[in-house]
Amino acid sequence: MSTQSSAAAPSRATLPAGSAPIDDALLRARWEQASDACAPVALFQTAAFARVASFYDVTTGRRPVVLSPEGPDSFCLPLSVAREGGVTVARILAEPIAQYADAPGAKVDPAVLHRGLNELRRSLGVDLVILRRVRDDTALSAALDGMRVERVAGSRAPYIPLDASGPLPGASGGKPKAYRDALRLKRRLEKAGGYAFAPLPAGAKAQDAIRVALQWKRSWVEERAAASRLAADAALGETIVRLFGEADISPIVGLVTHHGEPVAVEAGFVRGDRMLAYFCAYRPDRRGDGVGKIAMAEMVDWSAASGLRVYDQLPPGDDYKFDWTERSTPVADRIVAVSLPGVVRAHLVDRRFKPLAKAALGRLPAGLRRRVLKLAGYAPTASA
């Protein structure tokens, strides 16, 4: 399996027992088999997704590796390893892109996972393993519970249950208010003339729409002085564009146009009976028309008409997502320290400093916050 880079893959001799470089042929067969049978929410750790997404890790100097013990308790946990702030950290492969962390496979045994993570320490010098956005309902989460790994930075992953008619009624007995409002806004644009919606499958047109949407997102981030690597990191943006050209992971881009001009995008990936709603953006000067809401309603309806039964809005559980649904699944980050330096880093930085810094950042005036974020690489710069 190619990493889509000329950078050298790690050699088998430098890897812990039960792991392999991402392009190892024997691993590829086992990984693809596990990927075919895994739950829809494990899309981001499937072999097909990683084949493209690993471009980000290789481009940014991280080392892809897959923890995959052989035997009846086999699973595939794709990771990337790099030095961070004086310690060696393993993260889920393509962490900024993977909206869930999971381990495709028949079973994730806590003892097997524990041994594998400790082997990462012995063979690759890993101090800390950070798994962001682990759903509570996954085998990986159950294994981490068995290892007594605490939850950090808990959130929710909202989802909209569907049937052939669209969103299922909520507790009030009707369709979600946000959905009804979006349809009203759509009718207003249709009445004015020039409205169109198109679902674009993997290919050049879908990628072109994503490129435009990334520019909109960059403008949105700049205006609000928000923290977002998505808008500022060129390798991240390029990787996302590549994903929407990969038919094996079933991407779909919902494009709303008005008089032939793109005004909103709602894009995601189809897996099993689920739409994983990955990316949304709208043209900043069309916010007043509600085109972002319209694009989401269009994709919800497209998903329902396509036989999907879950519209997964993915974490975090932002307030606006709960205007569309009352349902959600808990997610949390899980941090495993496998050395003393890892324990110190996890306690001081990940569990204490980062939450305090995030809270302090949110209290800064927008102009000062914008300058701080640019220095930290979380917001657009002139060269982004």
Protein backbone atom coordinates (compact mmCIF):
# COMPACT_ATOMS: atom_id res chain seq x y z
CA MET A 1 0.00 0.00 0.00
CA SER A 2 1.52 3.29 -1.04
CA THR A 3 1.90 6.22 1.31
CA GLN A 4 1.67 8.49 -1.74
CA SER A 5 5.07 9.93 -0.93
CA SER A 6 8.64 9.30 -1.89
CA ALA A 7 9.54 9.40 1.81
CA ALA A 8 10.94 6.07 2.97
CA ALA A 9 8.55 3.82 4.87
CA PRO A 10 9.77 2.49 8.22
CA SER A 11 11.58 -0.81 7.89
CA ARG A 12 10.18 -3.94 9.49
CA ALA A 13 13.29 -4.21 11.71
CA THR A 14 12.49 -0.94 13.47
CA LEU A 15 8.88 -1.82 14.24
CA PRO A 16 7.40 -3.48 17.30
CA ALA A 17 6.21 -7.07 17.18
CA GLY A 18 2.74 -7.22 15.69
CA SER A 19 3.05 -4.04 13.67
CA ALA A 20 4.09 -3.17 10.15
CA PRO A 21 4.74 -0.24 7.84
CA ILE A 22 1.62 1.02 6.15
CA ASP A 23 2.66 -0.42 2.76
CA ASP A 24 3.47 -3.95 4.00
CA ALA A 25 1.84 -6.52 1.69
CA LEU A 26 0.88 -9.04 4.39
CA LEU A 27 -0.62 -6.32 6.52
CA ARG A 28 -2.52 -4.94 3.55
CA ALA A 29 -4.49 -8.16 3.05
CA ARG A 30 -5.35 -8.43 6.76
CA TRP A 31 -6.19 -4.75 7.00
CA GLU A 32 -8.43 -4.76 3.96
CA GLN A 33 -10.28 -7.80 5.28
CA ALA A 34 -10.80 -6.09 8.64
CA SER A 35 -11.87 -2.90 6.87
CA ASP A 36 -14.52 -4.69 4.83
CA ALA A 37 -16.16 -6.02 8.00
CA CYS A 38 -15.79 -2.98 10.29
CA ALA A 39 -18.54 -0.67 11.48
CA PRO A 40 -19.29 2.44 9.40
CA VAL A 41 -17.80 4.72 12.07
CA ALA A 42 -14.39 3.05 11.56
CA LEU A 43 -14.14 4.49 8.03
CA PHE A 44 -11.26 6.79 9.00
CA GLN A 45 -9.08 3.81 9.97
CA THR A 46 -9.85 1.61 6.97
CA ALA A 47 -7.09 0.66 4.56
CA ALA A 48 -8.67 2.61 1.69
CA PHE A 49 -9.02 5.82 3.69
CA ALA A 50 -5.51 5.54 5.15
CA ARG A 51 -4.01 4.98 1.71
CA VAL A 52 -4.93 8.57 0.88
CA ALA A 53 -4.93 10.23 4.32
CA SER A 54 -1.40 9.04 5.15
CA PHE A 55 -0.22 11.64 2.62
CA TYR A 56 -0.74 14.19 5.40
CA ASP A 57 1.47 12.40 7.93
CA VAL A 58 4.26 11.71 5.46
CA THR A 59 4.18 15.30 4.19
CA THR A 60 4.35 16.73 7.71
CA GLY A 61 7.20 14.46 8.80
CA ARG A 62 5.30 11.88 10.82
CA ARG A 63 6.01 8.14 10.57
CA PRO A 64 3.01 5.92 9.68
CA VAL A 65 2.81 2.50 11.36
CA VAL A 66 -0.03 0.04 11.92
CA LEU A 67 -0.36 -1.91 15.16
CA SER A 68 -1.82 -5.24 14.03
CA PRO A 69 -1.21 -8.37 16.12
CA GLU A 70 -1.74 -11.69 14.40
CA GLY A 71 -4.18 -14.30 15.68
CA PRO A 72 -7.87 -14.48 16.63
CA ASP A 73 -7.72 -11.14 18.46
CA SER A 74 -6.38 -9.33 15.41
CA PHE A 75 -7.17 -5.70 14.80
CA CYS A 76 -5.57 -2.85 12.86
CA LEU A 77 -4.77 0.39 14.67
CA PRO A 78 -3.14 2.84 12.23
CA LEU A 79 -0.90 5.38 13.94
CA SER A 80 1.70 8.00 13.14
CA VAL A 81 4.75 8.73 15.28
CA ALA A 82 6.75 11.94 15.71
CA ARG A 83 8.67 13.96 18.28
CA GLU A 84 6.52 16.62 19.96
CA GLY A 85 7.81 18.95 22.64
CA GLY A 86 10.61 16.69 23.79
CA VAL A 87 8.68 13.40 23.81
CA THR A 88 7.76 10.86 21.13
CA VAL A 89 4.02 10.76 20.51
CA ALA A 90 1.92 8.23 18.59
CA ARG A 91 -1.40 9.56 17.31
CA ILE A 92 -4.15 8.04 15.22
CA LEU A 93 -3.12 8.18 11.57
CA ALA A 94 -3.94 11.54 9.96
CA GLU A 95 -5.38 12.79 13.25
CA PRO A 96 -6.58 16.21 12.00
CA ILE A 97 -8.55 14.40 9.28
CA ALA A 98 -9.86 11.34 11.14
CA GLN A 99 -13.03 12.44 12.90
CA TYR A 100 -13.24 9.19 14.89
CA ALA A 101 -10.51 6.90 16.22
CA ASP A 102 -11.18 3.17 16.01
CA ALA A 103 -9.41 -0.12 15.32
CA PRO A 104 -11.00 -2.24 12.55
CA GLY A 105 -10.97 -5.93 13.41
CA ALA A 106 -12.91 -8.82 14.89
CA LYS A 107 -11.91 -7.98 18.46
CA VAL A 108 -9.77 -5.53 20.44
CA ASP A 109 -8.56 -7.36 23.52
CA PRO A 110 -7.34 -5.03 26.32
CA ALA A 111 -4.33 -7.22 27.16
CA VAL A 112 -3.29 -7.49 23.50
CA LEU A 113 -3.70 -3.74 22.99
CA HIS A 114 -1.73 -3.03 26.17
CA ARG A 115 1.16 -5.23 25.04
CA GLY A 116 1.17 -3.63 21.60
CA LEU A 117 1.32 -0.09 22.97
CA ASN A 118 4.16 -1.02 25.29
CA GLU A 119 6.02 -2.56 22.35
CA LEU A 120 5.79 0.83 20.66
CA ARG A 121 7.80 2.17 23.58
CA ARG A 122 10.46 -0.51 23.40
CA SER A 123 10.89 -0.48 19.62
CA LEU A 124 10.13 3.08 18.53
CA GLY A 125 10.72 5.01 21.76
CA VAL A 126 7.09 6.13 22.02
CA ASP A 127 6.32 7.96 25.29
CA LEU A 128 2.67 8.80 24.76
CA VAL A 129 -0.23 7.48 22.70
CA ILE A 130 -3.02 9.99 22.03
CA LEU A 131 -6.26 8.71 20.51
CA ARG A 132 -8.65 11.57 19.84
CA ARG A 133 -12.42 11.24 19.37
CA VAL A 134 -12.96 7.64 20.44
CA ARG A 135 -16.67 6.77 20.46
CA ASP A 136 -17.95 5.12 23.63
CA ASP A 137 -19.74 2.43 21.60
CA THR A 138 -16.62 1.00 19.89
CA ALA A 139 -14.51 -2.04 20.67
CA LEU A 140 -11.49 0.24 20.97
CA SER A 141 -13.22 2.23 23.72
CA ALA A 142 -14.13 -0.98 25.57
CA ALA A 143 -10.50 -2.15 25.37
CA LEU A 144 -9.25 1.18 26.71
CA ASP A 145 -11.78 0.92 29.53
CA GLY A 146 -10.35 -2.52 30.28
CA MET A 147 -6.92 -0.85 30.52
CA ARG A 148 -8.42 1.78 32.85
CA VAL A 149 -7.56 4.62 30.50
CA GLU A 150 -9.51 7.68 31.53
CA ARG A 151 -11.55 9.89 29.23
CA VAL A 152 -10.27 13.39 28.47
CA ALA A 153 -12.03 16.25 26.69
CA GLY A 154 -15.37 14.47 26.41
CA SER A 155 -17.85 15.62 23.79
CA ARG A 156 -20.83 14.33 21.78
CA ALA A 157 -21.29 13.18 18.20
CA PRO A 158 -24.80 14.26 17.12
CA TYR A 159 -26.61 12.20 14.52
CA ILE A 160 -29.91 12.45 12.66
CA PRO A 161 -31.91 9.22 12.30
CA LEU A 162 -33.49 8.90 8.87
CA ASP A 163 -36.16 7.04 6.99
CA ALA A 164 -37.20 7.35 3.35
CA SER A 165 -39.03 10.63 4.07
CA GLY A 166 -36.04 12.35 5.67
CA PRO A 167 -35.30 13.02 9.35
CA LEU A 168 -37.34 11.01 11.82
CA PRO A 169 -39.66 13.05 14.07
CA GLY A 170 -38.22 14.19 17.38
CA ALA A 171 -39.81 14.13 20.83
CA SER A 172 -42.19 16.92 19.76
CA GLY A 173 -43.57 14.69 17.03
CA GLY A 174 -42.42 16.80 14.09
CA LYS A 175 -39.40 17.16 11.84
CA PRO A 176 -36.48 19.12 13.36
CA LYS A 177 -37.07 22.89 13.31
CA ALA A 178 -33.71 23.56 11.65
CA TYR A 179 -34.65 21.17 8.84
CA ARG A 180 -38.03 22.85 8.34
CA ASP A 181 -36.40 26.28 8.36
CA ALA A 182 -33.87 25.15 5.75
CA LEU A 183 -36.62 23.92 3.43
CA ARG A 184 -38.37 27.27 3.80
CA LEU A 185 -35.15 29.09 2.85
CA LYS A 186 -34.72 26.75 -0.11
CA ARG A 187 -38.23 27.52 -1.39
CA ARG A 188 -37.45 31.23 -1.19
CA LEU A 189 -34.34 30.80 -3.37
CA GLU A 190 -36.20 28.55 -5.79
CA LYS A 191 -38.91 31.18 -6.14
CA ALA A 192 -36.29 33.83 -6.93
CA GLY A 193 -34.95 31.60 -9.71
CA GLY A 194 -31.53 30.21 -10.56
CA TYR A 195 -31.37 27.67 -7.73
CA ALA A 196 -29.77 24.25 -8.25
CA PHE A 197 -28.40 21.38 -6.19
CA ALA A 198 -26.13 18.56 -7.38
CA PRO A 199 -24.62 15.59 -5.53
CA LEU A 200 -21.11 15.09 -6.95
CA PRO A 201 -19.40 11.68 -6.59
CA ALA A 202 -15.64 11.20 -6.35
CA GLY A 203 -13.82 12.96 -9.15
CA ALA A 204 -12.49 16.24 -10.47
CA LYS A 205 -15.77 18.16 -10.07
CA ALA A 206 -16.07 17.12 -6.43
CA GLN A 207 -12.45 18.11 -5.79
CA ASP A 208 -12.94 21.50 -7.45
CA ALA A 209 -15.94 22.15 -5.20
CA ILE A 210 -13.91 21.23 -2.12
CA ARG A 211 -11.11 23.60 -3.14
CA VAL A 212 -13.62 26.45 -3.38
CA ALA A 213 -15.15 25.46 -0.03
CA LEU A 214 -11.74 25.48 1.64
CA GLN A 215 -11.32 29.10 0.57
CA TRP A 216 -14.70 29.93 2.08
CA LYS A 217 -13.69 28.18 5.27
CA ARG A 218 -10.47 30.18 5.39
CA SER A 219 -12.45 33.43 5.16
CA TRP A 220 -14.84 32.22 7.86
CA VAL A 221 -11.95 31.42 10.21
CA GLU A 222 -10.28 34.77 9.58
CA GLU A 223 -13.49 36.70 10.23
CA ARG A 224 -14.18 34.96 13.56
CA ALA A 225 -10.57 34.54 14.70
CA ALA A 226 -11.34 30.86 15.23
CA ALA A 227 -8.83 28.06 15.89
CA SER A 228 -8.62 25.91 12.78
CA ARG A 229 -5.75 24.05 11.14
CA LEU A 230 -8.15 23.15 8.34
CA ALA A 231 -7.94 26.65 6.91
CA ALA A 232 -4.23 27.28 7.47
CA ASP A 233 -2.44 23.97 6.89
CA ALA A 234 -1.72 23.53 3.17
CA ALA A 235 -0.95 19.79 3.53
CA LEU A 236 -4.22 19.26 5.37
CA GLY A 237 -6.24 21.01 2.70
CA GLU A 238 -4.50 19.09 -0.09
CA THR A 239 -5.15 15.78 1.68
CA ILE A 240 -8.85 16.55 2.01
CA VAL A 241 -9.03 17.40 -1.69
CA ARG A 242 -7.37 14.05 -2.49
CA LEU A 243 -9.92 12.17 -0.35
CA PHE A 244 -12.77 13.49 -2.46
CA GLY A 245 -11.18 12.03 -5.56
CA GLU A 246 -10.98 8.50 -4.07
CA ALA A 247 -13.96 6.38 -5.18
CA ASP A 248 -13.07 3.52 -2.80
CA ILE A 249 -14.17 5.57 0.22
CA SER A 250 -17.43 6.76 -1.40
CA PRO A 251 -17.18 10.53 -0.97
CA ILE A 252 -20.08 12.71 -1.99
CA VAL A 253 -20.16 16.51 -2.33
CA GLY A 254 -23.49 18.28 -2.17
CA LEU A 255 -23.09 21.49 -4.16
CA VAL A 256 -25.65 24.31 -4.04
CA THR A 257 -25.41 26.86 -6.85
CA HIS A 258 -27.33 30.06 -7.57
CA HIS A 259 -27.38 31.37 -11.13
CA GLY A 260 -24.55 28.95 -11.87
CA GLU A 261 -22.28 30.18 -9.05
CA PRO A 262 -21.30 27.88 -6.13
CA VAL A 263 -22.70 29.19 -2.85
CA ALA A 264 -22.55 26.25 -0.42
CA VAL A 265 -21.07 22.79 0.03
CA GLU A 266 -22.03 19.94 2.36
CA ALA A 267 -19.75 16.94 1.83
CA GLY A 268 -19.11 13.58 3.44
CA PHE A 269 -18.56 9.86 3.01
CA VAL A 270 -21.07 7.04 2.65
CA ARG A 271 -20.33 3.93 4.69
CA GLY A 272 -22.90 1.18 5.21
CA ASP A 273 -26.20 2.81 6.18
CA ARG A 274 -24.49 6.01 7.36
CA MET A 275 -23.54 9.36 5.92
CA LEU A 276 -20.50 10.75 7.71
CA ALA A 277 -21.06 14.49 7.20
CA TYR A 278 -17.45 15.59 7.07
CA PHE A 279 -17.27 19.11 5.70
CA CYS A 280 -19.53 22.12 5.26
CA ALA A 281 -18.88 25.65 4.04
CA TYR A 282 -20.72 28.48 2.37
CA ARG A 283 -19.84 31.64 0.50
CA PRO A 284 -19.47 34.33 3.16
CA ASP A 285 -21.56 36.94 1.36
CA ARG A 286 -24.50 34.51 1.08
CA ARG A 287 -24.84 33.75 4.78
CA GLY A 288 -28.05 35.80 4.96
CA ASP A 289 -29.70 33.43 2.47
CA GLY A 290 -29.07 30.45 4.75
CA VAL A 291 -27.30 28.56 1.95
CA GLY A 292 -25.27 26.47 4.43
CA LYS A 293 -28.48 25.24 6.07
CA ILE A 294 -30.01 24.59 2.66
CA ALA A 295 -27.00 22.49 1.60
CA MET A 296 -27.29 20.39 4.74
CA ALA A 297 -31.02 19.83 4.24
CA GLU A 298 -30.37 18.80 0.63
CA MET A 299 -27.77 16.24 1.74
CA VAL A 300 -30.03 14.93 4.50
CA ASP A 301 -32.76 14.38 1.90
CA TRP A 302 -30.28 12.85 -0.57
CA SER A 303 -29.07 10.45 2.14
CA ALA A 304 -32.61 9.42 3.05
CA ALA A 305 -33.57 8.89 -0.60
CA SER A 306 -30.40 6.81 -1.07
CA GLY A 307 -31.47 4.38 1.63
CA LEU A 308 -29.15 5.64 4.39
CA ARG A 309 -30.53 5.58 7.91
CA VAL A 310 -28.09 7.76 9.88
CA TYR A 311 -26.78 11.24 9.11
CA ASP A 312 -23.73 11.41 11.37
CA GLN A 313 -22.78 15.02 12.11
CA LEU A 314 -19.52 13.92 13.79
CA PRO A 315 -17.95 15.56 16.84
CA PRO A 316 -17.78 18.02 18.43
CA GLY A 317 -21.32 18.51 19.70
CA ASP A 318 -21.72 22.13 18.61
CA ASP A 319 -24.97 23.82 19.58
CA TYR A 320 -26.13 24.29 15.99
CA LYS A 321 -25.98 20.54 15.38
CA PHE A 322 -28.54 19.98 18.12
CA ASP A 323 -30.95 22.24 16.26
CA TRP A 324 -31.18 19.30 13.83
CA THR A 325 -31.41 16.38 16.26
CA GLU A 326 -31.86 15.26 19.85
CA ARG A 327 -29.65 12.19 19.42
CA SER A 328 -25.92 11.87 20.04
CA THR A 329 -23.17 9.43 21.04
CA PRO A 330 -20.45 10.20 23.64
CA VAL A 331 -16.88 10.58 22.37
CA ALA A 332 -13.67 11.40 24.23
CA ASP A 333 -9.92 11.60 23.84
CA ARG A 334 -7.94 8.75 25.40
CA ILE A 335 -4.31 9.24 26.45
CA VAL A 336 -1.99 6.32 27.27
CA ALA A 337 1.40 7.17 28.79
CA VAL A 338 3.95 4.38 28.28
CA SER A 339 6.98 6.10 29.90
CA LEU A 340 7.70 8.53 32.72
CA PRO A 341 8.24 11.46 30.32
CA GLY A 342 4.91 10.51 28.76
CA VAL A 343 3.20 10.60 32.16
CA VAL A 344 4.59 14.07 32.85
CA ARG A 345 3.62 15.39 29.42
CA ALA A 346 0.10 13.90 29.63
CA HIS A 347 -0.52 15.34 33.10
CA LEU A 348 0.96 18.79 32.66
CA VAL A 349 0.19 19.52 29.00
CA ASP A 350 -2.74 17.45 27.75
CA ARG A 351 -4.82 17.25 30.93
CA ARG A 352 -4.02 20.63 32.51
CA PHE A 353 -2.37 23.24 30.29
CA LYS A 354 -4.34 22.72 27.06
CA PRO A 355 -7.84 23.03 28.63
CA LEU A 356 -6.72 26.18 30.51
CA ALA A 357 -5.14 27.67 27.38
CA LYS A 358 -8.26 26.96 25.32
CA ALA A 359 -10.46 28.68 27.91
CA ALA A 360 -8.12 31.68 28.12
CA LEU A 361 -7.99 31.98 24.32
CA GLY A 362 -11.76 32.12 24.13
CA ARG A 363 -11.80 35.13 26.46
CA LEU A 364 -9.38 37.21 24.37
CA PRO A 365 -10.68 40.04 22.14
CA ALA A 366 -11.02 38.90 18.54
CA GLY A 367 -8.07 40.95 17.25
CA LEU A 368 -5.64 39.67 19.88
CA ARG A 369 -6.97 36.12 19.51
CA ARG A 370 -6.36 36.32 15.76
CA ARG A 371 -2.72 37.32 16.30
CA VAL A 372 -2.16 34.53 18.84
CA LEU A 373 -3.68 31.93 16.52
CA LYS A 374 -1.54 33.02 13.59
CA LEU A 375 1.58 32.64 15.69
CA ALA A 376 0.43 29.15 16.71
CA GLY A 377 -0.37 28.10 13.12
CA TYR A 378 -4.12 27.76 13.73
CA ALA A 379 -5.36 30.51 11.46
CA PRO A 380 -4.70 31.67 7.90
CA THR A 381 -1.59 33.64 7.11
CA ALA A 382 -0.75 35.57 3.97
CA SER A 383 0.93 32.50 2.49
CA ALA A 384 -1.73 29.96 3.52
